[in-house]
Amino acid sequence: MKSYVVIGLGRFGAELATRLYACGEEVMVIDIDEGLIDKIADRVTRAVAADARDVDVLRKLGVENFDRAIVAVGSDLGASALITMNLKSLGVPFVLCKAHDDTYKDILEKLGADRVIIPEREVADKLALGLTHAGVMEYIELSQEFGIVEMEPIPAWVGKTIRQLELRNTYGVNVIAVRSHEDTIKIPPDIDTPIPADVVMVMLGKYEMFENLKKK
């Protein structure tokens, strides 16, 4: 179990906090709005109405003891920047920030944020991947670069084996499982069995690789 502190209870922050808690993680939330704190108090480990821009407040709450911090303040760059600097100065090992646009993202990264996301863009990117490549069914992000995708084999792969295609060398992808539409799954897949058209391939690779596959 990991511990998280989520600062800012807009839609993104509140949804993330409650989902983390539902997954069995320890979650403390902080927001200056007592009304928002009251709404979420029974769906997280601890909910505190406080001003996270004050480093002494964060120190008293013991944020340095948490594994990860999420700054979800929203469109207030000044608040996000100050909170991020406070968290890093207190030694929080990993700070993720929500940014409004690329300018915010660049500034927060320069201030020490370990990762900065623009949620709307990331959702749009994943949705576009599925909409523009009919075979893509699911994309699970593992890091900023890598993810696991479920997709139907592209036409050029059908009838050939994984060994023949040399997918790792050609596309930089590792096939970790093959699932039939009857939900029979083979882990690891047989690399010498011809790939039928009516299966789902579960693959690990870089996001840019999946973008390249859209063109095939």
N, C-alpha and C. Protein backbone atom coordinates (compact mmCIF):
# COMPACT_ATOMS: atom_id res chain seq x y z
N MET A 1 0.84 -1.20 0.00
CA MET A 1 0.00 0.00 0.00
C MET A 1 0.88 1.25 0.00
N LYS A 2 0.56 2.17 -0.89
CA LYS A 2 1.28 3.44 -0.94
C LYS A 2 0.43 4.53 -0.29
N SER A 3 1.08 5.62 0.06
CA SER A 3 0.36 6.74 0.68
C SER A 3 0.42 7.94 -0.25
N TYR A 4 -0.70 8.63 -0.37
CA TYR A 4 -0.84 9.76 -1.28
C TYR A 4 -1.43 10.96 -0.54
N VAL A 5 -0.95 12.15 -0.90
CA VAL A 5 -1.60 13.38 -0.48
C VAL A 5 -2.05 14.09 -1.74
N VAL A 6 -3.33 14.39 -1.81
CA VAL A 6 -3.91 15.07 -2.97
C VAL A 6 -4.30 16.47 -2.55
N ILE A 7 -3.76 17.47 -3.24
CA ILE A 7 -4.01 18.87 -2.89
C ILE A 7 -4.83 19.51 -4.00
N GLY A 8 -6.03 19.94 -3.65
CA GLY A 8 -6.95 20.52 -4.62
C GLY A 8 -8.06 19.54 -4.96
N LEU A 9 -9.29 19.93 -4.66
CA LEU A 9 -10.41 19.02 -4.83
C LEU A 9 -11.40 19.49 -5.90
N GLY A 10 -10.84 19.89 -7.04
CA GLY A 10 -11.71 20.08 -8.19
C GLY A 10 -12.13 18.71 -8.69
N ARG A 11 -12.70 18.66 -9.89
CA ARG A 11 -13.17 17.37 -10.40
C ARG A 11 -12.05 16.34 -10.49
N PHE A 12 -10.90 16.77 -11.03
CA PHE A 12 -9.78 15.86 -11.21
C PHE A 12 -9.25 15.36 -9.87
N GLY A 13 -8.96 16.28 -8.97
CA GLY A 13 -8.40 15.91 -7.68
C GLY A 13 -9.32 15.02 -6.86
N ALA A 14 -10.60 15.37 -6.82
CA ALA A 14 -11.56 14.59 -6.04
C ALA A 14 -11.73 13.19 -6.61
N GLU A 15 -11.82 13.11 -7.93
CA GLU A 15 -12.00 11.80 -8.57
C GLU A 15 -10.77 10.92 -8.35
N LEU A 16 -9.60 11.49 -8.51
CA LEU A 16 -8.37 10.73 -8.32
C LEU A 16 -8.24 10.25 -6.88
N ALA A 17 -8.52 11.12 -5.94
CA ALA A 17 -8.40 10.76 -4.52
C ALA A 17 -9.32 9.61 -4.14
N THR A 18 -10.57 9.70 -4.57
CA THR A 18 -11.53 8.65 -4.20
C THR A 18 -11.21 7.33 -4.88
N ARG A 19 -10.69 7.39 -6.09
CA ARG A 19 -10.32 6.15 -6.79
C ARG A 19 -9.11 5.50 -6.14
N LEU A 20 -8.13 6.29 -5.74
CA LEU A 20 -6.97 5.75 -5.05
C LEU A 20 -7.38 5.08 -3.74
N TYR A 21 -8.27 5.73 -3.02
CA TYR A 21 -8.75 5.18 -1.75
C TYR A 21 -9.52 3.88 -1.97
N ALA A 22 -10.33 3.85 -3.03
CA ALA A 22 -11.10 2.65 -3.36
C ALA A 22 -10.19 1.49 -3.72
N CYS A 23 -8.98 1.81 -4.20
CA CYS A 23 -8.00 0.78 -4.55
C CYS A 23 -7.21 0.30 -3.33
N GLY A 24 -7.55 0.82 -2.16
CA GLY A 24 -6.91 0.37 -0.94
C GLY A 24 -5.71 1.18 -0.50
N GLU A 25 -5.49 2.33 -1.13
CA GLU A 25 -4.35 3.17 -0.77
C GLU A 25 -4.71 4.14 0.36
N GLU A 26 -3.69 4.60 1.08
CA GLU A 26 -3.88 5.63 2.09
C GLU A 26 -3.89 6.99 1.39
N VAL A 27 -4.94 7.76 1.60
CA VAL A 27 -5.11 9.02 0.89
C VAL A 27 -5.50 10.14 1.85
N MET A 28 -4.68 11.18 1.90
CA MET A 28 -5.05 12.40 2.61
C MET A 28 -5.31 13.48 1.57
N VAL A 29 -6.40 14.21 1.73
CA VAL A 29 -6.71 15.30 0.81
C VAL A 29 -6.66 16.63 1.55
N ILE A 30 -6.23 17.66 0.82
CA ILE A 30 -6.14 19.00 1.39
C ILE A 30 -6.79 19.98 0.42
N ASP A 31 -7.65 20.84 0.96
CA ASP A 31 -8.24 21.91 0.16
C ASP A 31 -8.62 23.03 1.11
N ILE A 32 -8.56 24.25 0.60
CA ILE A 32 -8.89 25.41 1.44
C ILE A 32 -10.39 25.55 1.63
N ASP A 33 -11.18 24.88 0.79
CA ASP A 33 -12.64 24.97 0.82
C ASP A 33 -13.21 23.88 1.74
N GLU A 34 -13.75 24.30 2.89
CA GLU A 34 -14.29 23.34 3.85
C GLU A 34 -15.47 22.56 3.28
N GLY A 35 -16.24 23.18 2.40
CA GLY A 35 -17.37 22.49 1.79
C GLY A 35 -16.92 21.29 0.97
N LEU A 36 -15.84 21.46 0.20
CA LEU A 36 -15.32 20.35 -0.60
C LEU A 36 -14.75 19.25 0.29
N ILE A 37 -14.14 19.66 1.39
CA ILE A 37 -13.59 18.69 2.34
C ILE A 37 -14.72 17.85 2.95
N ASP A 38 -15.81 18.50 3.33
CA ASP A 38 -16.94 17.78 3.93
C ASP A 38 -17.53 16.76 2.97
N LYS A 39 -17.56 17.09 1.68
CA LYS A 39 -18.16 16.20 0.69
C LYS A 39 -17.37 14.92 0.49
N ILE A 40 -16.06 14.98 0.71
CA ILE A 40 -15.21 13.83 0.40
C ILE A 40 -14.69 13.11 1.63
N ALA A 41 -14.96 13.65 2.81
CA ALA A 41 -14.34 13.14 4.04
C ALA A 41 -14.55 11.66 4.28
N ASP A 42 -15.70 11.13 3.91
CA ASP A 42 -15.98 9.71 4.17
C ASP A 42 -15.51 8.80 3.05
N ARG A 43 -14.80 9.36 2.05
CA ARG A 43 -14.34 8.55 0.92
C ARG A 43 -12.82 8.56 0.78
N VAL A 44 -12.12 9.08 1.80
CA VAL A 44 -10.66 9.07 1.83
C VAL A 44 -10.22 8.77 3.26
N THR A 45 -8.91 8.58 3.44
CA THR A 45 -8.40 8.27 4.77
C THR A 45 -8.51 9.47 5.70
N ARG A 46 -8.12 10.64 5.19
CA ARG A 46 -8.15 11.86 5.99
C ARG A 46 -8.39 13.04 5.09
N ALA A 47 -9.23 13.96 5.52
CA ALA A 47 -9.54 15.16 4.75
C ALA A 47 -9.31 16.38 5.63
N VAL A 48 -8.52 17.32 5.12
CA VAL A 48 -8.12 18.48 5.92
C VAL A 48 -8.40 19.77 5.17
N ALA A 49 -9.07 20.69 5.83
CA ALA A 49 -9.27 22.03 5.27
C ALA A 49 -8.09 22.89 5.70
N ALA A 50 -7.23 23.22 4.74
CA ALA A 50 -6.02 23.97 5.06
C ALA A 50 -5.48 24.63 3.80
N ASP A 51 -4.59 25.59 4.00
CA ASP A 51 -3.96 26.30 2.90
C ASP A 51 -2.60 25.67 2.61
N ALA A 52 -2.52 24.89 1.54
CA ALA A 52 -1.28 24.18 1.20
C ALA A 52 -0.19 25.11 0.69
N ARG A 53 -0.51 26.38 0.48
CA ARG A 53 0.52 27.34 0.07
C ARG A 53 1.44 27.69 1.23
N ASP A 54 1.02 27.34 2.44
CA ASP A 54 1.80 27.62 3.65
C ASP A 54 2.65 26.39 3.97
N VAL A 55 3.96 26.50 3.85
CA VAL A 55 4.84 25.36 4.06
C VAL A 55 4.74 24.83 5.49
N ASP A 56 4.47 25.72 6.47
CA ASP A 56 4.35 25.27 7.85
C ASP A 56 3.12 24.38 8.04
N VAL A 57 2.06 24.69 7.30
CA VAL A 57 0.86 23.86 7.36
C VAL A 57 1.17 22.46 6.83
N LEU A 58 1.85 22.40 5.71
CA LEU A 58 2.21 21.10 5.13
C LEU A 58 3.14 20.32 6.05
N ARG A 59 4.04 21.03 6.70
CA ARG A 59 4.97 20.37 7.62
C ARG A 59 4.22 19.77 8.81
N LYS A 60 3.27 20.51 9.34
CA LYS A 60 2.49 20.02 10.48
C LYS A 60 1.62 18.82 10.10
N LEU A 61 1.21 18.77 8.84
CA LEU A 61 0.40 17.65 8.37
C LEU A 61 1.25 16.43 8.01
N GLY A 62 2.56 16.61 8.03
CA GLY A 62 3.46 15.49 7.79
C GLY A 62 3.49 15.01 6.36
N VAL A 63 3.35 15.93 5.40
CA VAL A 63 3.30 15.50 4.00
C VAL A 63 4.59 14.82 3.54
N GLU A 64 5.71 15.11 4.23
CA GLU A 64 6.98 14.50 3.82
C GLU A 64 6.99 13.00 4.06
N ASN A 65 6.02 12.50 4.81
CA ASN A 65 5.95 11.07 5.10
C ASN A 65 5.14 10.30 4.05
N PHE A 66 4.57 11.02 3.09
CA PHE A 66 3.77 10.37 2.06
C PHE A 66 4.67 9.97 0.89
N ASP A 67 4.27 8.89 0.22
CA ASP A 67 5.06 8.40 -0.92
C ASP A 67 4.93 9.32 -2.13
N ARG A 68 3.73 9.83 -2.35
CA ARG A 68 3.48 10.64 -3.54
C ARG A 68 2.51 11.77 -3.21
N ALA A 69 2.73 12.90 -3.90
CA ALA A 69 1.83 14.04 -3.76
C ALA A 69 1.30 14.42 -5.13
N ILE A 70 0.02 14.74 -5.18
CA ILE A 70 -0.60 15.20 -6.42
C ILE A 70 -1.11 16.61 -6.20
N VAL A 71 -0.60 17.55 -7.00
CA VAL A 71 -1.05 18.94 -6.93
C VAL A 71 -2.08 19.14 -8.02
N ALA A 72 -3.35 19.22 -7.62
CA ALA A 72 -4.46 19.31 -8.57
C ALA A 72 -5.23 20.61 -8.38
N VAL A 73 -4.48 21.68 -8.16
CA VAL A 73 -5.10 22.98 -7.86
C VAL A 73 -5.87 23.52 -9.06
N GLY A 74 -5.43 23.18 -10.27
CA GLY A 74 -6.18 23.62 -11.44
C GLY A 74 -5.51 24.74 -12.18
N SER A 75 -6.27 25.81 -12.45
CA SER A 75 -5.78 26.88 -13.33
C SER A 75 -4.98 27.96 -12.60
N ASP A 76 -4.79 27.83 -11.29
CA ASP A 76 -4.04 28.82 -10.52
C ASP A 76 -2.55 28.45 -10.53
N LEU A 77 -1.81 28.99 -11.49
CA LEU A 77 -0.40 28.66 -11.62
C LEU A 77 0.40 29.08 -10.40
N GLY A 78 0.10 30.24 -9.86
CA GLY A 78 0.84 30.72 -8.69
C GLY A 78 0.72 29.75 -7.53
N ALA A 79 -0.50 29.27 -7.25
CA ALA A 79 -0.70 28.33 -6.16
C ALA A 79 -0.02 27.00 -6.45
N SER A 80 -0.15 26.51 -7.68
CA SER A 80 0.49 25.25 -8.05
C SER A 80 2.00 25.33 -7.88
N ALA A 81 2.59 26.44 -8.32
CA ALA A 81 4.03 26.61 -8.24
C ALA A 81 4.50 26.65 -6.79
N LEU A 82 3.81 27.40 -5.96
CA LEU A 82 4.21 27.53 -4.56
C LEU A 82 4.06 26.20 -3.82
N ILE A 83 2.96 25.52 -4.06
CA ILE A 83 2.73 24.23 -3.41
C ILE A 83 3.78 23.21 -3.85
N THR A 84 4.10 23.20 -5.13
CA THR A 84 5.11 22.28 -5.64
C THR A 84 6.46 22.53 -4.98
N MET A 85 6.85 23.79 -4.88
CA MET A 85 8.12 24.13 -4.23
C MET A 85 8.11 23.73 -2.76
N ASN A 86 6.97 23.93 -2.10
CA ASN A 86 6.85 23.54 -0.69
C ASN A 86 7.04 22.04 -0.52
N LEU A 87 6.38 21.27 -1.37
CA LEU A 87 6.45 19.82 -1.28
C LEU A 87 7.87 19.31 -1.50
N LYS A 88 8.55 19.87 -2.51
CA LYS A 88 9.92 19.43 -2.80
C LYS A 88 10.87 19.86 -1.69
N SER A 89 10.65 21.03 -1.12
CA SER A 89 11.52 21.50 -0.04
C SER A 89 11.37 20.63 1.21
N LEU A 90 10.20 20.03 1.37
CA LEU A 90 9.95 19.16 2.52
C LEU A 90 10.41 17.72 2.26
N GLY A 91 10.84 17.46 1.05
CA GLY A 91 11.39 16.15 0.75
C GLY A 91 10.41 15.10 0.28
N VAL A 92 9.24 15.52 -0.22
CA VAL A 92 8.30 14.55 -0.77
C VAL A 92 8.97 13.90 -1.99
N PRO A 93 9.06 12.56 -2.02
CA PRO A 93 9.85 11.90 -3.06
C PRO A 93 9.31 12.00 -4.48
N PHE A 94 7.99 12.13 -4.63
CA PHE A 94 7.43 12.19 -5.99
C PHE A 94 6.25 13.15 -5.99
N VAL A 95 6.34 14.16 -6.84
CA VAL A 95 5.28 15.17 -6.94
C VAL A 95 4.75 15.19 -8.36
N LEU A 96 3.46 14.93 -8.51
CA LEU A 96 2.78 15.00 -9.80
C LEU A 96 1.88 16.22 -9.80
N CYS A 97 1.95 17.02 -10.85
CA CYS A 97 1.14 18.24 -10.94
C CYS A 97 0.20 18.20 -12.13
N LYS A 98 -0.98 18.74 -11.94
CA LYS A 98 -1.89 18.97 -13.05
C LYS A 98 -1.60 20.36 -13.60
N ALA A 99 -1.48 20.44 -14.94
CA ALA A 99 -1.21 21.72 -15.58
C ALA A 99 -2.37 22.10 -16.49
N HIS A 100 -2.50 23.40 -16.70
CA HIS A 100 -3.57 23.93 -17.54
C HIS A 100 -3.16 23.91 -19.02
N ASP A 101 -1.88 24.17 -19.29
CA ASP A 101 -1.39 24.18 -20.67
C ASP A 101 0.12 23.98 -20.66
N ASP A 102 0.75 24.07 -21.83
CA ASP A 102 2.18 23.80 -21.94
C ASP A 102 3.04 24.81 -21.18
N THR A 103 2.59 26.05 -21.10
CA THR A 103 3.34 27.06 -20.35
C THR A 103 3.40 26.68 -18.88
N TYR A 104 2.24 26.31 -18.32
CA TYR A 104 2.19 25.86 -16.93
C TYR A 104 3.08 24.64 -16.75
N LYS A 105 3.01 23.71 -17.70
CA LYS A 105 3.77 22.47 -17.62
C LYS A 105 5.26 22.74 -17.55
N ASP A 106 5.75 23.61 -18.42
CA ASP A 106 7.18 23.93 -18.44
C ASP A 106 7.63 24.55 -17.13
N ILE A 107 6.83 25.46 -16.60
CA ILE A 107 7.19 26.14 -15.35
C ILE A 107 7.23 25.16 -14.19
N LEU A 108 6.21 24.30 -14.09
CA LEU A 108 6.15 23.35 -12.98
C LEU A 108 7.28 22.33 -13.04
N GLU A 109 7.66 21.93 -14.24
CA GLU A 109 8.78 21.01 -14.38
C GLU A 109 10.08 21.67 -13.93
N LYS A 110 10.25 22.95 -14.26
CA LYS A 110 11.46 23.67 -13.86
C LYS A 110 11.51 23.89 -12.36
N LEU A 111 10.35 23.88 -11.72
CA LEU A 111 10.28 24.07 -10.27
C LEU A 111 10.48 22.76 -9.51
N GLY A 112 10.65 21.66 -10.24
CA GLY A 112 10.98 20.40 -9.58
C GLY A 112 9.93 19.33 -9.60
N ALA A 113 8.77 19.58 -10.23
CA ALA A 113 7.75 18.53 -10.30
C ALA A 113 8.32 17.31 -11.02
N ASP A 114 8.07 16.14 -10.48
CA ASP A 114 8.59 14.91 -11.08
C ASP A 114 7.82 14.53 -12.33
N ARG A 115 6.56 14.88 -12.37
CA ARG A 115 5.76 14.66 -13.57
C ARG A 115 4.65 15.70 -13.62
N VAL A 116 4.39 16.20 -14.82
CA VAL A 116 3.32 17.18 -15.02
C VAL A 116 2.41 16.66 -16.13
N ILE A 117 1.12 16.63 -15.87
CA ILE A 117 0.17 16.14 -16.87
C ILE A 117 -0.84 17.22 -17.21
N ILE A 118 -1.32 17.14 -18.43
CA ILE A 118 -2.47 17.94 -18.86
C ILE A 118 -3.57 16.92 -19.11
N PRO A 119 -4.42 16.65 -18.12
CA PRO A 119 -5.36 15.52 -18.19
C PRO A 119 -6.21 15.48 -19.45
N GLU A 120 -6.73 16.62 -19.86
CA GLU A 120 -7.59 16.64 -21.05
C GLU A 120 -6.84 16.15 -22.28
N ARG A 121 -5.57 16.54 -22.39
CA ARG A 121 -4.77 16.13 -23.54
C ARG A 121 -4.48 14.64 -23.50
N GLU A 122 -4.16 14.13 -22.31
CA GLU A 122 -3.83 12.71 -22.21
C GLU A 122 -5.04 11.84 -22.52
N VAL A 123 -6.20 12.25 -22.04
CA VAL A 123 -7.42 11.51 -22.35
C VAL A 123 -7.69 11.56 -23.85
N ALA A 124 -7.53 12.74 -24.44
CA ALA A 124 -7.76 12.90 -25.88
C ALA A 124 -6.79 12.06 -26.69
N ASP A 125 -5.52 11.99 -26.27
CA ASP A 125 -4.53 11.19 -26.98
C ASP A 125 -4.92 9.72 -26.99
N LYS A 126 -5.33 9.20 -25.82
CA LYS A 126 -5.69 7.79 -25.74
C LYS A 126 -6.96 7.50 -26.52
N LEU A 127 -7.91 8.43 -26.47
CA LEU A 127 -9.15 8.24 -27.22
C LEU A 127 -8.87 8.28 -28.71
N ALA A 128 -8.01 9.21 -29.13
CA ALA A 128 -7.68 9.31 -30.55
C ALA A 128 -7.00 8.04 -31.04
N LEU A 129 -6.18 7.44 -30.19
CA LEU A 129 -5.51 6.20 -30.56
C LEU A 129 -6.53 5.12 -30.90
N GLY A 130 -7.56 5.02 -30.07
CA GLY A 130 -8.59 4.01 -30.31
C GLY A 130 -9.48 4.35 -31.49
N LEU A 131 -9.81 5.61 -31.67
CA LEU A 131 -10.72 6.01 -32.74
C LEU A 131 -10.07 5.93 -34.12
N THR A 132 -8.78 6.22 -34.18
CA THR A 132 -8.13 6.26 -35.49
C THR A 132 -7.52 4.93 -35.89
N HIS A 133 -7.45 3.99 -34.98
CA HIS A 133 -6.99 2.65 -35.33
C HIS A 133 -8.04 1.69 -34.82
N ALA A 134 -8.84 1.18 -35.73
CA ALA A 134 -10.02 0.41 -35.35
C ALA A 134 -9.68 -0.80 -34.49
N GLY A 135 -8.45 -1.34 -34.60
CA GLY A 135 -8.11 -2.54 -33.85
C GLY A 135 -7.75 -2.30 -32.40
N VAL A 136 -7.45 -1.06 -32.03
CA VAL A 136 -7.04 -0.78 -30.66
C VAL A 136 -8.25 -0.80 -29.75
N MET A 137 -8.18 -1.64 -28.72
CA MET A 137 -9.33 -1.79 -27.82
C MET A 137 -9.08 -1.17 -26.45
N GLU A 138 -7.83 -1.23 -26.00
CA GLU A 138 -7.53 -0.72 -24.67
C GLU A 138 -6.08 -0.30 -24.61
N TYR A 139 -5.83 0.83 -23.92
CA TYR A 139 -4.45 1.27 -23.72
C TYR A 139 -4.27 1.56 -22.25
N ILE A 140 -3.29 0.91 -21.64
CA ILE A 140 -3.01 1.09 -20.22
C ILE A 140 -1.64 1.73 -20.09
N GLU A 141 -1.58 2.92 -19.56
CA GLU A 141 -0.31 3.63 -19.44
C GLU A 141 0.47 3.12 -18.24
N LEU A 142 1.73 2.75 -18.47
CA LEU A 142 2.61 2.32 -17.39
C LEU A 142 3.57 3.42 -16.97
N SER A 143 3.94 4.26 -17.92
CA SER A 143 4.82 5.39 -17.65
C SER A 143 4.56 6.42 -18.73
N GLN A 144 5.36 7.48 -18.75
CA GLN A 144 5.19 8.50 -19.77
C GLN A 144 5.51 7.97 -21.15
N GLU A 145 6.34 6.92 -21.23
CA GLU A 145 6.75 6.38 -22.51
C GLU A 145 6.08 5.05 -22.87
N PHE A 146 5.88 4.19 -21.87
CA PHE A 146 5.45 2.83 -22.13
C PHE A 146 4.01 2.57 -21.70
N GLY A 147 3.41 1.62 -22.41
CA GLY A 147 2.06 1.22 -22.06
C GLY A 147 1.77 -0.18 -22.57
N ILE A 148 0.63 -0.73 -22.16
CA ILE A 148 0.16 -2.02 -22.64
C ILE A 148 -1.08 -1.78 -23.47
N VAL A 149 -1.09 -2.35 -24.67
CA VAL A 149 -2.22 -2.15 -25.57
C VAL A 149 -2.84 -3.49 -25.92
N GLU A 150 -4.16 -3.50 -26.02
CA GLU A 150 -4.88 -4.65 -26.56
C GLU A 150 -5.37 -4.25 -27.95
N MET A 151 -5.01 -5.02 -28.96
CA MET A 151 -5.43 -4.68 -30.30
C MET A 151 -5.51 -5.92 -31.18
N GLU A 152 -6.31 -5.83 -32.21
CA GLU A 152 -6.38 -6.90 -33.20
C GLU A 152 -5.12 -6.83 -34.06
N PRO A 153 -4.66 -7.96 -34.59
CA PRO A 153 -3.47 -7.92 -35.45
C PRO A 153 -3.74 -7.13 -36.73
N ILE A 154 -2.74 -6.37 -37.15
CA ILE A 154 -2.90 -5.65 -38.41
C ILE A 154 -2.89 -6.69 -39.55
N PRO A 155 -3.49 -6.40 -40.69
CA PRO A 155 -3.63 -7.39 -41.77
C PRO A 155 -2.33 -8.07 -42.18
N ALA A 156 -1.23 -7.32 -42.18
CA ALA A 156 0.05 -7.89 -42.62
C ALA A 156 0.57 -8.96 -41.68
N TRP A 157 0.06 -9.00 -40.44
CA TRP A 157 0.52 -9.98 -39.47
C TRP A 157 -0.23 -11.31 -39.58
N VAL A 158 -1.45 -11.27 -40.09
CA VAL A 158 -2.32 -12.45 -40.09
C VAL A 158 -1.68 -13.57 -40.92
N GLY A 159 -1.64 -14.78 -40.32
CA GLY A 159 -1.07 -15.94 -41.00
C GLY A 159 0.41 -16.12 -40.79
N LYS A 160 1.05 -15.14 -40.18
CA LYS A 160 2.48 -15.24 -39.90
C LYS A 160 2.68 -15.46 -38.40
N THR A 161 3.85 -15.92 -38.03
CA THR A 161 4.14 -16.15 -36.62
C THR A 161 4.85 -14.94 -36.01
N ILE A 162 4.82 -14.87 -34.69
CA ILE A 162 5.52 -13.79 -33.99
C ILE A 162 7.02 -13.86 -34.28
N ARG A 163 7.54 -15.09 -34.37
CA ARG A 163 8.96 -15.25 -34.68
C ARG A 163 9.28 -14.72 -36.08
N GLN A 164 8.44 -15.04 -37.06
CA GLN A 164 8.67 -14.58 -38.43
C GLN A 164 8.61 -13.06 -38.53
N LEU A 165 7.69 -12.47 -37.80
CA LEU A 165 7.49 -11.02 -37.89
C LEU A 165 8.59 -10.24 -37.17
N GLU A 166 9.28 -10.91 -36.23
CA GLU A 166 10.32 -10.23 -35.44
C GLU A 166 9.80 -8.91 -34.90
N LEU A 167 8.67 -8.99 -34.21
CA LEU A 167 7.98 -7.78 -33.75
C LEU A 167 8.84 -6.92 -32.81
N ARG A 168 9.64 -7.58 -32.00
CA ARG A 168 10.48 -6.80 -31.08
C ARG A 168 11.49 -5.96 -31.84
N ASN A 169 12.14 -6.56 -32.83
CA ASN A 169 13.15 -5.83 -33.60
C ASN A 169 12.53 -4.82 -34.57
N THR A 170 11.41 -5.21 -35.17
CA THR A 170 10.80 -4.36 -36.20
C THR A 170 10.03 -3.19 -35.61
N TYR A 171 9.26 -3.46 -34.55
CA TYR A 171 8.39 -2.42 -34.00
C TYR A 171 8.73 -2.01 -32.56
N GLY A 172 9.66 -2.73 -31.94
CA GLY A 172 9.97 -2.43 -30.54
C GLY A 172 8.86 -2.82 -29.60
N VAL A 173 8.13 -3.89 -29.94
CA VAL A 173 6.99 -4.31 -29.15
C VAL A 173 7.19 -5.74 -28.67
N ASN A 174 6.76 -6.01 -27.46
CA ASN A 174 6.78 -7.36 -26.91
C ASN A 174 5.35 -7.87 -26.78
N VAL A 175 5.05 -9.00 -27.41
CA VAL A 175 3.72 -9.61 -27.28
C VAL A 175 3.72 -10.44 -26.01
N ILE A 176 2.90 -10.06 -25.04
CA ILE A 176 2.91 -10.74 -23.75
C ILE A 176 1.77 -11.73 -23.60
N ALA A 177 0.76 -11.64 -24.48
CA ALA A 177 -0.34 -12.59 -24.43
C ALA A 177 -1.15 -12.49 -25.71
N VAL A 178 -1.86 -13.57 -26.03
CA VAL A 178 -2.80 -13.59 -27.15
C VAL A 178 -4.11 -14.14 -26.62
N ARG A 179 -5.18 -13.41 -26.87
CA ARG A 179 -6.49 -13.80 -26.35
C ARG A 179 -7.47 -13.99 -27.49
N SER A 180 -8.19 -15.10 -27.44
CA SER A 180 -9.22 -15.34 -28.44
C SER A 180 -10.48 -14.59 -28.05
N HIS A 181 -11.41 -14.45 -28.98
CA HIS A 181 -12.66 -13.75 -28.68
C HIS A 181 -13.55 -14.56 -27.75
N GLU A 182 -13.16 -15.82 -27.49
CA GLU A 182 -13.88 -16.62 -26.51
C GLU A 182 -13.23 -16.48 -25.13
N ASP A 183 -12.29 -15.52 -25.03
CA ASP A 183 -11.57 -15.20 -23.79
C ASP A 183 -10.61 -16.29 -23.34
N THR A 184 -10.20 -17.16 -24.26
CA THR A 184 -9.11 -18.09 -23.96
C THR A 184 -7.80 -17.34 -24.16
N ILE A 185 -6.98 -17.30 -23.12
CA ILE A 185 -5.77 -16.48 -23.18
C ILE A 185 -4.53 -17.36 -23.08
N LYS A 186 -3.52 -17.05 -23.87
CA LYS A 186 -2.26 -17.78 -23.88
C LYS A 186 -1.15 -16.86 -23.41
N ILE A 187 -0.58 -17.19 -22.23
CA ILE A 187 0.51 -16.40 -21.65
C ILE A 187 1.66 -17.34 -21.29
N PRO A 188 2.83 -17.20 -21.85
CA PRO A 188 3.16 -16.34 -23.00
C PRO A 188 2.61 -16.95 -24.28
N PRO A 189 2.53 -16.20 -25.33
CA PRO A 189 1.99 -16.75 -26.59
C PRO A 189 3.00 -17.68 -27.26
N ASP A 190 2.49 -18.57 -28.09
CA ASP A 190 3.35 -19.46 -28.88
C ASP A 190 3.88 -18.66 -30.07
N ILE A 191 5.18 -18.42 -30.08
CA ILE A 191 5.75 -17.55 -31.12
C ILE A 191 5.86 -18.25 -32.48
N ASP A 192 5.56 -19.55 -32.52
CA ASP A 192 5.64 -20.28 -33.77
C ASP A 192 4.28 -20.68 -34.32
N THR A 193 3.21 -20.17 -33.71
CA THR A 193 1.86 -20.44 -34.20
C THR A 193 1.40 -19.26 -35.06
N PRO A 194 0.92 -19.52 -36.29
CA PRO A 194 0.42 -18.42 -37.14
C PRO A 194 -0.66 -17.61 -36.43
N ILE A 195 -0.62 -16.31 -36.60
CA ILE A 195 -1.56 -15.41 -35.94
C ILE A 195 -2.87 -15.37 -36.73
N PRO A 196 -3.98 -15.78 -36.12
CA PRO A 196 -5.27 -15.68 -36.82
C PRO A 196 -5.80 -14.26 -36.77
N ALA A 197 -6.78 -13.98 -37.59
CA ALA A 197 -7.33 -12.62 -37.64
C ALA A 197 -8.23 -12.32 -36.45
N ASP A 198 -8.83 -13.37 -35.87
CA ASP A 198 -9.85 -13.17 -34.84
C ASP A 198 -9.31 -13.33 -33.43
N VAL A 199 -8.16 -12.72 -33.14
CA VAL A 199 -7.62 -12.73 -31.79
C VAL A 199 -7.31 -11.30 -31.35
N VAL A 200 -7.04 -11.17 -30.07
CA VAL A 200 -6.60 -9.89 -29.51
C VAL A 200 -5.19 -10.09 -29.01
N MET A 201 -4.30 -9.23 -29.45
CA MET A 201 -2.91 -9.31 -29.03
C MET A 201 -2.65 -8.29 -27.92
N VAL A 202 -2.05 -8.75 -26.84
CA VAL A 202 -1.72 -7.88 -25.71
C VAL A 202 -0.23 -7.61 -25.80
N MET A 203 0.11 -6.33 -25.99
CA MET A 203 1.50 -5.97 -26.28
C MET A 203 2.00 -4.85 -25.38
N LEU A 204 3.28 -4.93 -25.08
CA LEU A 204 3.96 -3.91 -24.30
C LEU A 204 4.91 -3.14 -25.21
N GLY A 205 4.83 -1.82 -25.16
CA GLY A 205 5.72 -1.03 -25.99
C GLY A 205 5.59 0.45 -25.72
N LYS A 206 6.31 1.24 -26.50
CA LYS A 206 6.26 2.69 -26.37
C LYS A 206 5.01 3.25 -27.04
N TYR A 207 4.52 4.34 -26.49
CA TYR A 207 3.34 4.99 -27.05
C TYR A 207 3.57 5.37 -28.51
N GLU A 208 4.79 5.84 -28.83
CA GLU A 208 5.07 6.26 -30.21
C GLU A 208 5.02 5.07 -31.16
N MET A 209 5.30 3.87 -30.64
CA MET A 209 5.22 2.69 -31.48
C MET A 209 3.79 2.43 -31.90
N PHE A 210 2.85 2.60 -30.99
CA PHE A 210 1.45 2.38 -31.32
C PHE A 210 0.96 3.43 -32.33
N GLU A 211 1.53 4.63 -32.21
CA GLU A 211 1.21 5.66 -33.18
C GLU A 211 1.67 5.24 -34.58
N ASN A 212 2.85 4.63 -34.66
CA ASN A 212 3.38 4.16 -35.94
C ASN A 212 2.52 3.02 -36.51
N LEU A 213 2.01 2.18 -35.65
CA LEU A 213 1.19 1.06 -36.11
C LEU A 213 -0.12 1.53 -36.73
N LYS A 214 -0.59 2.71 -36.33
CA LYS A 214 -1.82 3.23 -36.89
C LYS A 214 -1.71 3.42 -38.40
N LYS A 215 -0.48 3.61 -38.86
CA LYS A 215 -0.25 3.90 -40.27
C LYS A 215 -0.15 2.64 -41.13
N LYS A 216 -0.12 1.47 -40.46
CA LYS A 216 0.06 0.22 -41.20
C LYS A 216 -1.25 -0.23 -41.85
